[in-house]
Amino acid sequence: MFDLDLLFQKSELIPVIIQDAGTLQVLMLGFTNREALELTLQTKTAWFWSRSRQKLWNKGESSGNFLHVLEVKTDCDTDTLLYLCRPDGPTCHTGAVSCFFREIEI
């Protein structure tokens, strides 16, 4: 069993990259704390800590577009998570499939 304490040694909040398990498209980036991660592992739906509202939220609780978590991975530094998910619908609050749809010219 993975020691969750390793994830929160540097910070109480860590980033979570959400990726579609089927297409591998990056859907969003959120932040989790220990409680949100534990809820994610228990419910198998993605929970986050909202930095703007300062509270826990379950993605899809108001829209119905839940993110069903199939796999959880950590990076080599154990300070970022990757959730491979099956989304119920669009992930972005704008209705877009992914939150990453605005391109910046280079």
PDB file of N, CA and C in Angstrom:
ATOM      1  N   MET A   1       0.851  -1.194   0.000  1.00  0.00           N
ATOM      2  CA  MET A   1       0.000   0.000   0.000  1.00  0.00           C
ATOM      3  C   MET A   1       0.891   1.250   0.000  1.00  0.00           C
ATOM      4  N   PHE A   2       0.530   2.219  -0.797  1.00  0.00           N
ATOM      5  CA  PHE A   2       1.289   3.463  -0.914  1.00  0.00           C
ATOM      6  C   PHE A   2       1.051   4.336   0.319  1.00  0.00           C
ATOM      7  N   ASP A   3       2.103   4.929   0.852  1.00  0.00           N
ATOM      8  CA  ASP A   3       2.019   5.815   2.011  1.00  0.00           C
ATOM      9  C   ASP A   3       1.605   7.212   1.551  1.00  0.00           C
ATOM     10  N   LEU A   4       0.363   7.588   1.813  1.00  0.00           N
ATOM     11  CA  LEU A   4      -0.152   8.891   1.372  1.00  0.00           C
ATOM     12  C   LEU A   4       0.585  10.061   2.017  1.00  0.00           C
ATOM     13  N   ASP A   5       1.197   9.844   3.163  1.00  0.00           N
ATOM     14  CA  ASP A   5       1.952  10.918   3.820  1.00  0.00           C
ATOM     15  C   ASP A   5       3.077  11.439   2.935  1.00  0.00           C
ATOM     16  N   LEU A   6       3.628  10.580   2.078  1.00  0.00           N
ATOM     17  CA  LEU A   6       4.701  11.002   1.181  1.00  0.00           C
ATOM     18  C   LEU A   6       4.261  12.128   0.250  1.00  0.00           C
ATOM     19  N   LEU A   7       2.984  12.131  -0.121  1.00  0.00           N
ATOM     20  CA  LEU A   7       2.475  13.119  -1.072  1.00  0.00           C
ATOM     21  C   LEU A   7       2.400  14.528  -0.493  1.00  0.00           C
ATOM     22  N   PHE A   8       2.190  14.625   0.803  1.00  0.00           N
ATOM     23  CA  PHE A   8       1.916  15.928   1.403  1.00  0.00           C
ATOM     24  C   PHE A   8       3.060  16.412   2.303  1.00  0.00           C
ATOM     25  N   GLN A   9       4.270  15.963   2.023  1.00  0.00           N
ATOM     26  CA  GLN A   9       5.429  16.400   2.799  1.00  0.00           C
ATOM     27  C   GLN A   9       5.830  17.836   2.474  1.00  0.00           C
ATOM     28  N   LYS A  10       5.653  18.245   1.225  1.00  0.00           N
ATOM     29  CA  LYS A  10       6.087  19.577   0.790  1.00  0.00           C
ATOM     30  C   LYS A  10       4.977  20.617   0.896  1.00  0.00           C
ATOM     31  N   SER A  11       3.736  20.166   0.793  1.00  0.00           N
ATOM     32  CA  SER A  11       2.620  21.104   0.761  1.00  0.00           C
ATOM     33  C   SER A  11       1.323  20.387   1.141  1.00  0.00           C
ATOM     34  N   GLU A  12       0.393  21.138   1.711  1.00  0.00           N
ATOM     35  CA  GLU A  12      -0.919  20.567   2.035  1.00  0.00           C
ATOM     36  C   GLU A  12      -1.775  20.384   0.795  1.00  0.00           C
ATOM     37  N   LEU A  13      -1.471  21.131  -0.263  1.00  0.00           N
ATOM     38  CA  LEU A  13      -2.179  21.027  -1.534  1.00  0.00           C
ATOM     39  C   LEU A  13      -1.205  20.589  -2.614  1.00  0.00           C
ATOM     40  N   ILE A  14      -1.630  19.622  -3.426  1.00  0.00           N
ATOM     41  CA  ILE A  14      -0.796  19.201  -4.540  1.00  0.00           C
ATOM     42  C   ILE A  14      -1.637  19.181  -5.818  1.00  0.00           C
ATOM     43  N   PRO A  15      -0.981  19.412  -6.957  1.00  0.00           N
ATOM     44  CA  PRO A  15      -1.709  19.402  -8.228  1.00  0.00           C
ATOM     45  C   PRO A  15      -2.103  17.990  -8.651  1.00  0.00           C
ATOM     46  N   VAL A  16      -3.234  17.931  -9.351  1.00  0.00           N
ATOM     47  CA  VAL A  16      -3.736  16.683  -9.919  1.00  0.00           C
ATOM     48  C   VAL A  16      -4.041  16.922 -11.385  1.00  0.00           C
ATOM     49  N   ILE A  17      -3.398  16.175 -12.251  1.00  0.00           N
ATOM     50  CA  ILE A  17      -3.679  16.225 -13.683  1.00  0.00           C
ATOM     51  C   ILE A  17      -4.759  15.184 -13.960  1.00  0.00           C
ATOM     52  N   ILE A  18      -5.803  15.597 -14.666  1.00  0.00           N
ATOM     53  CA  ILE A  18      -6.892  14.687 -15.011  1.00  0.00           C
ATOM     54  C   ILE A  18      -6.780  14.351 -16.491  1.00  0.00           C
ATOM     55  N   GLN A  19      -6.733  13.065 -16.782  1.00  0.00           N
ATOM     56  CA  GLN A  19      -6.576  12.600 -18.155  1.00  0.00           C
ATOM     57  C   GLN A  19      -7.671  11.587 -18.458  1.00  0.00           C
ATOM     58  N   ASP A  20      -8.226  11.671 -19.658  1.00  0.00           N
ATOM     59  CA  ASP A  20      -9.231  10.713 -20.101  1.00  0.00           C
ATOM     60  C   ASP A  20      -8.541   9.358 -20.297  1.00  0.00           C
ATOM     61  N   ALA A  21      -9.016   8.332 -19.623  1.00  0.00           N
ATOM     62  CA  ALA A  21      -8.383   7.008 -19.691  1.00  0.00           C
ATOM     63  C   ALA A  21      -8.482   6.393 -21.080  1.00  0.00           C
ATOM     64  N   GLY A  22      -9.504   6.764 -21.845  1.00  0.00           N
ATOM     65  CA  GLY A  22      -9.682   6.203 -23.177  1.00  0.00           C
ATOM     66  C   GLY A  22      -8.882   6.902 -24.253  1.00  0.00           C
ATOM     67  N   THR A  23      -8.921   8.231 -24.243  1.00  0.00           N
ATOM     68  CA  THR A  23      -8.262   9.012 -25.301  1.00  0.00           C
ATOM     69  C   THR A  23      -6.895   9.542 -24.889  1.00  0.00           C
ATOM     70  N   LEU A  24      -6.621   9.565 -23.609  1.00  0.00           N
ATOM     71  CA  LEU A  24      -5.417  10.136 -23.004  1.00  0.00           C
ATOM     72  C   LEU A  24      -5.343  11.658 -23.139  1.00  0.00           C
ATOM     73  N   GLN A  25      -6.446  12.294 -23.527  1.00  0.00           N
ATOM     74  CA  GLN A  25      -6.502  13.753 -23.587  1.00  0.00           C
ATOM     75  C   GLN A  25      -6.454  14.311 -22.161  1.00  0.00           C
ATOM     76  N   VAL A  26      -5.659  15.360 -21.957  1.00  0.00           N
ATOM     77  CA  VAL A  26      -5.632  16.047 -20.669  1.00  0.00           C
ATOM     78  C   VAL A  26      -6.922  16.852 -20.561  1.00  0.00           C
ATOM     79  N   LEU A  27      -7.661  16.629 -19.485  1.00  0.00           N
ATOM     80  CA  LEU A  27      -8.963  17.269 -19.324  1.00  0.00           C
ATOM     81  C   LEU A  27      -8.926  18.498 -18.423  1.00  0.00           C
ATOM     82  N   MET A  28      -8.160  18.424 -17.350  1.00  0.00           N
ATOM     83  CA  MET A  28      -8.111  19.552 -16.424  1.00  0.00           C
ATOM     84  C   MET A  28      -6.948  19.391 -15.464  1.00  0.00           C
ATOM     85  N   LEU A  29      -6.703  20.439 -14.711  1.00  0.00           N
ATOM     86  CA  LEU A  29      -5.760  20.427 -13.609  1.00  0.00           C
ATOM     87  C   LEU A  29      -6.519  20.925 -12.392  1.00  0.00           C
ATOM     88  N   GLY A  30      -6.401  20.206 -11.302  1.00  0.00           N
ATOM     89  CA  GLY A  30      -7.026  20.621 -10.048  1.00  0.00           C
ATOM     90  C   GLY A  30      -6.028  20.473  -8.920  1.00  0.00           C
ATOM     91  N   PHE A  31      -6.491  20.725  -7.713  1.00  0.00           N
ATOM     92  CA  PHE A  31      -5.644  20.576  -6.537  1.00  0.00           C
ATOM     93  C   PHE A  31      -6.349  19.688  -5.526  1.00  0.00           C
ATOM     94  N   THR A  32      -5.569  18.888  -4.831  1.00  0.00           N
ATOM     95  CA  THR A  32      -6.131  18.010  -3.824  1.00  0.00           C
ATOM     96  C   THR A  32      -5.385  18.187  -2.509  1.00  0.00           C
ATOM     97  N   ASN A  33      -6.101  17.935  -1.434  1.00  0.00           N
ATOM     98  CA  ASN A  33      -5.471  17.804  -0.128  1.00  0.00           C
ATOM     99  C   ASN A  33      -5.688  16.359   0.322  1.00  0.00           C
ATOM    100  N   ARG A  34      -5.245  16.037   1.493  1.00  0.00           N
ATOM    101  CA  ARG A  34      -5.340  14.647   1.966  1.00  0.00           C
ATOM    102  C   ARG A  34      -6.795  14.173   2.013  1.00  0.00           C
ATOM    103  N   GLU A  35      -7.684  15.010   2.530  1.00  0.00           N
ATOM    104  CA  GLU A  35      -9.092  14.619   2.652  1.00  0.00           C
ATOM    105  C   GLU A  35      -9.730  14.375   1.283  1.00  0.00           C
ATOM    106  N   ALA A  36      -9.455  15.253   0.325  1.00  0.00           N
ATOM    107  CA  ALA A  36     -10.017  15.089  -1.021  1.00  0.00           C
ATOM    108  C   ALA A  36      -9.477  13.821  -1.681  1.00  0.00           C
ATOM    109  N   LEU A  37      -8.196  13.542  -1.484  1.00  0.00           N
ATOM    110  CA  LEU A  37      -7.621  12.324  -2.043  1.00  0.00           C
ATOM    111  C   LEU A  37      -8.258  11.084  -1.417  1.00  0.00           C
ATOM    112  N   GLU A  38      -8.430  11.094  -0.118  1.00  0.00           N
ATOM    113  CA  GLU A  38      -9.055   9.952   0.554  1.00  0.00           C
ATOM    114  C   GLU A  38     -10.483   9.733   0.047  1.00  0.00           C
ATOM    115  N   LEU A  39     -11.235  10.832  -0.162  1.00  0.00           N
ATOM    116  CA  LEU A  39     -12.589  10.718  -0.707  1.00  0.00           C
ATOM    117  C   LEU A  39     -12.559  10.161  -2.129  1.00  0.00           C
ATOM    118  N   THR A  40     -11.581  10.598  -2.916  1.00  0.00           N
ATOM    119  CA  THR A  40     -11.423  10.085  -4.280  1.00  0.00           C
ATOM    120  C   THR A  40     -11.186   8.579  -4.259  1.00  0.00           C
ATOM    121  N   LEU A  41     -10.304   8.125  -3.389  1.00  0.00           N
ATOM    122  CA  LEU A  41      -9.993   6.699  -3.302  1.00  0.00           C
ATOM    123  C   LEU A  41     -11.187   5.886  -2.813  1.00  0.00           C
ATOM    124  N   GLN A  42     -11.988   6.466  -1.908  1.00  0.00           N
ATOM    125  CA  GLN A  42     -13.170   5.776  -1.374  1.00  0.00           C
ATOM    126  C   GLN A  42     -14.305   5.699  -2.383  1.00  0.00           C
ATOM    127  N   THR A  43     -14.582   6.831  -3.043  1.00  0.00           N
ATOM    128  CA  THR A  43     -15.762   6.925  -3.912  1.00  0.00           C
ATOM    129  C   THR A  43     -15.464   6.595  -5.370  1.00  0.00           C
ATOM    130  N   LYS A  44     -14.181   6.628  -5.732  1.00  0.00           N
ATOM    131  CA  LYS A  44     -13.741   6.426  -7.117  1.00  0.00           C
ATOM    132  C   LYS A  44     -14.287   7.493  -8.069  1.00  0.00           C
ATOM    133  N   THR A  45     -14.631   8.649  -7.506  1.00  0.00           N
ATOM    134  CA  THR A  45     -14.924   9.850  -8.296  1.00  0.00           C
ATOM    135  C   THR A  45     -13.959  10.937  -7.821  1.00  0.00           C
ATOM    136  N   ALA A  46     -13.635  11.877  -8.696  1.00  0.00           N
ATOM    137  CA  ALA A  46     -12.601  12.872  -8.398  1.00  0.00           C
ATOM    138  C   ALA A  46     -13.111  13.964  -7.463  1.00  0.00           C
ATOM    139  N   TRP A  47     -12.431  14.098  -6.338  1.00  0.00           N
ATOM    140  CA  TRP A  47     -12.662  15.163  -5.365  1.00  0.00           C
ATOM    141  C   TRP A  47     -11.461  16.098  -5.388  1.00  0.00           C
ATOM    142  N   PHE A  48     -11.717  17.367  -5.173  1.00  0.00           N
ATOM    143  CA  PHE A  48     -10.670  18.383  -5.192  1.00  0.00           C
ATOM    144  C   PHE A  48     -10.848  19.350  -4.034  1.00  0.00           C
ATOM    145  N   TRP A  49      -9.820  20.162  -3.819  1.00  0.00           N
ATOM    146  CA  TRP A  49      -9.921  21.293  -2.909  1.00  0.00           C
ATOM    147  C   TRP A  49     -10.017  22.535  -3.773  1.00  0.00           C
ATOM    148  N   SER A  50     -11.099  23.281  -3.606  1.00  0.00           N
ATOM    149  CA  SER A  50     -11.274  24.522  -4.359  1.00  0.00           C
ATOM    150  C   SER A  50     -10.510  25.638  -3.663  1.00  0.00           C
ATOM    151  N   ARG A  51      -9.510  26.164  -4.339  1.00  0.00           N
ATOM    152  CA  ARG A  51      -8.733  27.255  -3.758  1.00  0.00           C
ATOM    153  C   ARG A  51      -9.545  28.542  -3.707  1.00  0.00           C
ATOM    154  N   SER A  52     -10.448  28.739  -4.656  1.00  0.00           N
ATOM    155  CA  SER A  52     -11.237  29.975  -4.667  1.00  0.00           C
ATOM    156  C   SER A  52     -12.364  29.944  -3.635  1.00  0.00           C
ATOM    157  N   ARG A  53     -12.998  28.787  -3.475  1.00  0.00           N
ATOM    158  CA  ARG A  53     -14.113  28.676  -2.515  1.00  0.00           C
ATOM    159  C   ARG A  53     -13.674  28.163  -1.148  1.00  0.00           C
ATOM    160  N   GLN A  54     -12.425  27.708  -1.074  1.00  0.00           N
ATOM    161  CA  GLN A  54     -11.873  27.186   0.179  1.00  0.00           C
ATOM    162  C   GLN A  54     -12.726  26.060   0.757  1.00  0.00           C
ATOM    163  N   LYS A  55     -13.064  25.092  -0.134  1.00  0.00           N
ATOM    164  CA  LYS A  55     -13.835  23.943   0.335  1.00  0.00           C
ATOM    165  C   LYS A  55     -13.628  22.757  -0.607  1.00  0.00           C
ATOM    166  N   LEU A  56     -13.989  21.577  -0.109  1.00  0.00           N
ATOM    167  CA  LEU A  56     -13.936  20.366  -0.917  1.00  0.00           C
ATOM    168  C   LEU A  56     -15.040  20.389  -1.957  1.00  0.00           C
ATOM    169  N   TRP A  57     -14.775  19.802  -3.113  1.00  0.00           N
ATOM    170  CA  TRP A  57     -15.838  19.630  -4.104  1.00  0.00           C
ATOM    171  C   TRP A  57     -15.610  18.368  -4.898  1.00  0.00           C
ATOM    172  N   ASN A  58     -16.723  17.728  -5.204  1.00  0.00           N
ATOM    173  CA  ASN A  58     -16.729  16.520  -6.005  1.00  0.00           C
ATOM    174  C   ASN A  58     -17.079  16.935  -7.423  1.00  0.00           C
ATOM    175  N   LYS A  59     -16.142  16.769  -8.357  1.00  0.00           N
ATOM    176  CA  LYS A  59     -16.384  17.176  -9.745  1.00  0.00           C
ATOM    177  C   LYS A  59     -17.613  16.456 -10.274  1.00  0.00           C
ATOM    178  N   GLY A  60     -18.596  17.213 -10.696  1.00  0.00           N
ATOM    179  CA  GLY A  60     -19.838  16.662 -11.213  1.00  0.00           C
ATOM    180  C   GLY A  60     -21.005  16.796 -10.252  1.00  0.00           C
ATOM    181  N   GLU A  61     -20.740  17.261  -9.026  1.00  0.00           N
ATOM    182  CA  GLU A  61     -21.817  17.336  -8.042  1.00  0.00           C
ATOM    183  C   GLU A  61     -22.953  18.270  -8.482  1.00  0.00           C
ATOM    184  N   SER A  62     -22.641  19.306  -9.236  1.00  0.00           N
ATOM    185  CA  SER A  62     -23.715  20.186  -9.700  1.00  0.00           C
ATOM    186  C   SER A  62     -24.064  19.947 -11.173  1.00  0.00           C
ATOM    187  N   SER A  63     -23.083  19.565 -11.992  1.00  0.00           N
ATOM    188  CA  SER A  63     -23.322  19.386 -13.431  1.00  0.00           C
ATOM    189  C   SER A  63     -23.761  17.971 -13.798  1.00  0.00           C
ATOM    190  N   GLY A  64     -23.425  17.003 -12.949  1.00  0.00           N
ATOM    191  CA  GLY A  64     -23.685  15.605 -13.285  1.00  0.00           C
ATOM    192  C   GLY A  64     -22.570  14.986 -14.109  1.00  0.00           C
ATOM    193  N   ASN A  65     -21.562  15.787 -14.453  1.00  0.00           N
ATOM    194  CA  ASN A  65     -20.439  15.305 -15.265  1.00  0.00           C
ATOM    195  C   ASN A  65     -19.309  14.819 -14.355  1.00  0.00           C
ATOM    196  N   PHE A  66     -19.531  13.696 -13.709  1.00  0.00           N
ATOM    197  CA  PHE A  66     -18.549  13.147 -12.786  1.00  0.00           C
ATOM    198  C   PHE A  66     -17.332  12.607 -13.535  1.00  0.00           C
ATOM    199  N   LEU A  67     -16.222  12.571 -12.832  1.00  0.00           N
ATOM    200  CA  LEU A  67     -14.999  11.956 -13.329  1.00  0.00           C
ATOM    201  C   LEU A  67     -14.797  10.668 -12.537  1.00  0.00           C
ATOM    202  N   HIS A  68     -14.974   9.532 -13.191  1.00  0.00           N
ATOM    203  CA  HIS A  68     -14.817   8.232 -12.545  1.00  0.00           C
ATOM    204  C   HIS A  68     -13.346   7.837 -12.625  1.00  0.00           C
ATOM    205  N   VAL A  69     -12.707   7.738 -11.475  1.00  0.00           N
ATOM    206  CA  VAL A  69     -11.266   7.514 -11.404  1.00  0.00           C
ATOM    207  C   VAL A  69     -10.966   6.025 -11.531  1.00  0.00           C
ATOM    208  N   LEU A  70     -10.201   5.683 -12.576  1.00  0.00           N
ATOM    209  CA  LEU A  70      -9.827   4.297 -12.830  1.00  0.00           C
ATOM    210  C   LEU A  70      -8.427   3.978 -12.314  1.00  0.00           C
ATOM    211  N   GLU A  71      -7.538   4.968 -12.364  1.00  0.00           N
ATOM    212  CA  GLU A  71      -6.163   4.789 -11.888  1.00  0.00           C
ATOM    213  C   GLU A  71      -5.674   6.087 -11.269  1.00  0.00           C
ATOM    214  N   VAL A  72      -4.825   5.956 -10.260  1.00  0.00           N
ATOM    215  CA  VAL A  72      -4.154   7.099  -9.647  1.00  0.00           C
ATOM    216  C   VAL A  72      -2.658   6.809  -9.685  1.00  0.00           C
ATOM    217  N   LYS A  73      -1.896   7.770 -10.215  1.00  0.00           N
ATOM    218  CA  LYS A  73      -0.443   7.635 -10.289  1.00  0.00           C
ATOM    219  C   LYS A  73       0.192   8.879  -9.696  1.00  0.00           C
ATOM    220  N   THR A  74       1.408   8.711  -9.204  1.00  0.00           N
ATOM    221  CA  THR A  74       2.167   9.856  -8.711  1.00  0.00           C
ATOM    222  C   THR A  74       3.431  10.014  -9.554  1.00  0.00           C
ATOM    223  N   ASP A  75       3.944  11.228  -9.559  1.00  0.00           N
ATOM    224  CA  ASP A  75       5.184  11.460 -10.299  1.00  0.00           C
ATOM    225  C   ASP A  75       6.380  10.992  -9.466  1.00  0.00           C
ATOM    226  N   CYS A  76       7.565  11.078 -10.051  1.00  0.00           N
ATOM    227  CA  CYS A  76       8.788  10.582  -9.412  1.00  0.00           C
ATOM    228  C   CYS A  76       9.139  11.326  -8.129  1.00  0.00           C
ATOM    229  N   ASP A  77       8.684  12.566  -7.985  1.00  0.00           N
ATOM    230  CA  ASP A  77       8.958  13.359  -6.782  1.00  0.00           C
ATOM    231  C   ASP A  77       7.872  13.222  -5.727  1.00  0.00           C
ATOM    232  N   THR A  78       6.856  12.462  -6.016  1.00  0.00           N
ATOM    233  CA  THR A  78       5.670  12.287  -5.155  1.00  0.00           C
ATOM    234  C   THR A  78       5.093  13.622  -4.684  1.00  0.00           C
ATOM    235  N   ASP A  79       4.955  14.568  -5.647  1.00  0.00           N
ATOM    236  CA  ASP A  79       4.310  15.838  -5.299  1.00  0.00           C
ATOM    237  C   ASP A  79       3.279  16.278  -6.333  1.00  0.00           C
ATOM    238  N   THR A  80       2.920  15.373  -7.232  1.00  0.00           N
ATOM    239  CA  THR A  80       1.875  15.615  -8.232  1.00  0.00           C
ATOM    240  C   THR A  80       1.182  14.289  -8.505  1.00  0.00           C
ATOM    241  N   LEU A  81      -0.127  14.353  -8.728  1.00  0.00           N
ATOM    242  CA  LEU A  81      -0.893  13.147  -9.041  1.00  0.00           C
ATOM    243  C   LEU A  81      -1.444  13.200 -10.459  1.00  0.00           C
ATOM    244  N   LEU A  82      -1.675  12.038 -11.012  1.00  0.00           N
ATOM    245  CA  LEU A  82      -2.340  11.868 -12.299  1.00  0.00           C
ATOM    246  C   LEU A  82      -3.519  10.938 -12.070  1.00  0.00           C
ATOM    247  N   TYR A  83      -4.717  11.412 -12.424  1.00  0.00           N
ATOM    248  CA  TYR A  83      -5.906  10.564 -12.364  1.00  0.00           C
ATOM    249  C   TYR A  83      -6.296  10.202 -13.791  1.00  0.00           C
ATOM    250  N   LEU A  84      -6.363   8.919 -14.079  1.00  0.00           N
ATOM    251  CA  LEU A  84      -6.908   8.452 -15.347  1.00  0.00           C
ATOM    252  C   LEU A  84      -8.384   8.187 -15.100  1.00  0.00           C
ATOM    253  N   CYS A  85      -9.226   8.899 -15.843  1.00  0.00           N
ATOM    254  CA  CYS A  85     -10.658   8.921 -15.548  1.00  0.00           C
ATOM    255  C   CYS A  85     -11.518   8.573 -16.753  1.00  0.00           C
ATOM    256  N   ARG A  86     -12.737   8.179 -16.447  1.00  0.00           N
ATOM    257  CA  ARG A  86     -13.796   8.054 -17.445  1.00  0.00           C
ATOM    258  C   ARG A  86     -14.794   9.161 -17.126  1.00  0.00           C
ATOM    259  N   PRO A  87     -14.833  10.206 -17.965  1.00  0.00           N
ATOM    260  CA  PRO A  87     -15.749  11.325 -17.704  1.00  0.00           C
ATOM    261  C   PRO A  87     -17.178  10.997 -18.142  1.00  0.00           C
ATOM    262  N   ASP A  88     -18.151  11.511 -17.383  1.00  0.00           N
ATOM    263  CA  ASP A  88     -19.560  11.349 -17.744  1.00  0.00           C
ATOM    264  C   ASP A  88     -20.000  12.328 -18.824  1.00  0.00           C
ATOM    265  N   GLY A  89     -19.237  13.376 -19.025  1.00  0.00           N
ATOM    266  CA  GLY A  89     -19.585  14.403 -20.008  1.00  0.00           C
ATOM    267  C   GLY A  89     -18.436  15.387 -20.085  1.00  0.00           C
ATOM    268  N   PRO A  90     -18.708  16.599 -20.560  1.00  0.00           N
ATOM    269  CA  PRO A  90     -17.652  17.607 -20.652  1.00  0.00           C
ATOM    270  C   PRO A  90     -17.039  17.872 -19.276  1.00  0.00           C
ATOM    271  N   THR A  91     -15.741  18.073 -19.249  1.00  0.00           N
ATOM    272  CA  THR A  91     -15.061  18.330 -17.982  1.00  0.00           C
ATOM    273  C   THR A  91     -15.070  19.808 -17.624  1.00  0.00           C
ATOM    274  N   CYS A  92     -14.904  20.667 -18.611  1.00  0.00           N
ATOM    275  CA  CYS A  92     -14.813  22.107 -18.352  1.00  0.00           C
ATOM    276  C   CYS A  92     -16.176  22.707 -18.009  1.00  0.00           C
ATOM    277  N   HIS A  93     -16.164  23.675 -17.103  1.00  0.00           N
ATOM    278  CA  HIS A  93     -17.404  24.365 -16.734  1.00  0.00           C
ATOM    279  C   HIS A  93     -17.998  25.157 -17.904  1.00  0.00           C
ATOM    280  N   THR A  94     -17.201  25.384 -18.971  1.00  0.00           N
ATOM    281  CA  THR A  94     -17.702  26.098 -20.157  1.00  0.00           C
ATOM    282  C   THR A  94     -18.498  25.179 -21.083  1.00  0.00           C
ATOM    283  N   GLY A  95     -18.433  23.874 -20.802  1.00  0.00           N
ATOM    284  CA  GLY A  95     -19.076  22.895 -21.679  1.00  0.00           C
ATOM    285  C   GLY A  95     -18.108  22.230 -22.635  1.00  0.00           C
ATOM    286  N   ALA A  96     -16.855  22.675 -22.630  1.00  0.00           N
ATOM    287  CA  ALA A  96     -15.837  22.059 -23.479  1.00  0.00           C
ATOM    288  C   ALA A  96     -15.425  20.709 -22.888  1.00  0.00           C
ATOM    289  N   VAL A  97     -15.007  19.817 -23.760  1.00  0.00           N
ATOM    290  CA  VAL A  97     -14.557  18.492 -23.323  1.00  0.00           C
ATOM    291  C   VAL A  97     -13.395  18.620 -22.340  1.00  0.00           C
ATOM    292  N   SER A  98     -12.448  19.499 -22.661  1.00  0.00           N
ATOM    293  CA  SER A  98     -11.251  19.718 -21.845  1.00  0.00           C
ATOM    294  C   SER A  98     -11.173  21.188 -21.458  1.00  0.00           C
ATOM    295  N   CYS A  99     -10.562  21.459 -20.321  1.00  0.00           N
ATOM    296  CA  CYS A  99     -10.324  22.846 -19.926  1.00  0.00           C
ATOM    297  C   CYS A  99      -9.212  23.487 -20.752  1.00  0.00           C
ATOM    298  N   PHE A 100      -8.459  22.653 -21.486  1.00  0.00           N
ATOM    299  CA  PHE A 100      -7.328  23.148 -22.275  1.00  0.00           C
ATOM    300  C   PHE A 100      -7.733  23.282 -23.741  1.00  0.00           C
ATOM    301  N   PHE A 101      -8.399  24.392 -24.052  1.00  0.00           N
ATOM    302  CA  PHE A 101      -8.846  24.613 -25.429  1.00  0.00           C
ATOM    303  C   PHE A 101      -8.427  25.978 -25.982  1.00  0.00           C
ATOM    304  N   ARG A 102      -7.852  26.820 -25.149  1.00  0.00           N
ATOM    305  CA  ARG A 102      -7.390  28.132 -25.606  1.00  0.00           C
ATOM    306  C   ARG A 102      -5.913  28.038 -25.979  1.00  0.00           C
ATOM    307  N   GLU A 103      -5.628  28.371 -27.223  1.00  0.00           N
ATOM    308  CA  GLU A 103      -4.256  28.258 -27.706  1.00  0.00           C
ATOM    309  C   GLU A 103      -3.560  29.612 -27.651  1.00  0.00           C
ATOM    310  N   ILE A 104      -2.317  29.601 -27.243  1.00  0.00           N
ATOM    311  CA  ILE A 104      -1.464  30.791 -27.232  1.00  0.00           C
ATOM    312  C   ILE A 104      -0.446  30.607 -28.358  1.00  0.00           C
ATOM    313  N   GLU A 105      -0.410  31.559 -29.264  1.00  0.00           N
ATOM    314  CA  GLU A 105       0.528  31.448 -30.405  1.00  0.00           C
ATOM    315  C   GLU A 105       1.965  31.520 -29.914  1.00  0.00           C
ATOM    316  N   ILE A 106       2.799  30.708 -30.567  1.00  0.00           N
ATOM    317  CA  ILE A 106       4.229  30.751 -30.252  1.00  0.00           C
ATOM    318  C   ILE A 106       5.031  31.092 -31.494  1.00  0.00           C
TER     319      ILE A 106
END
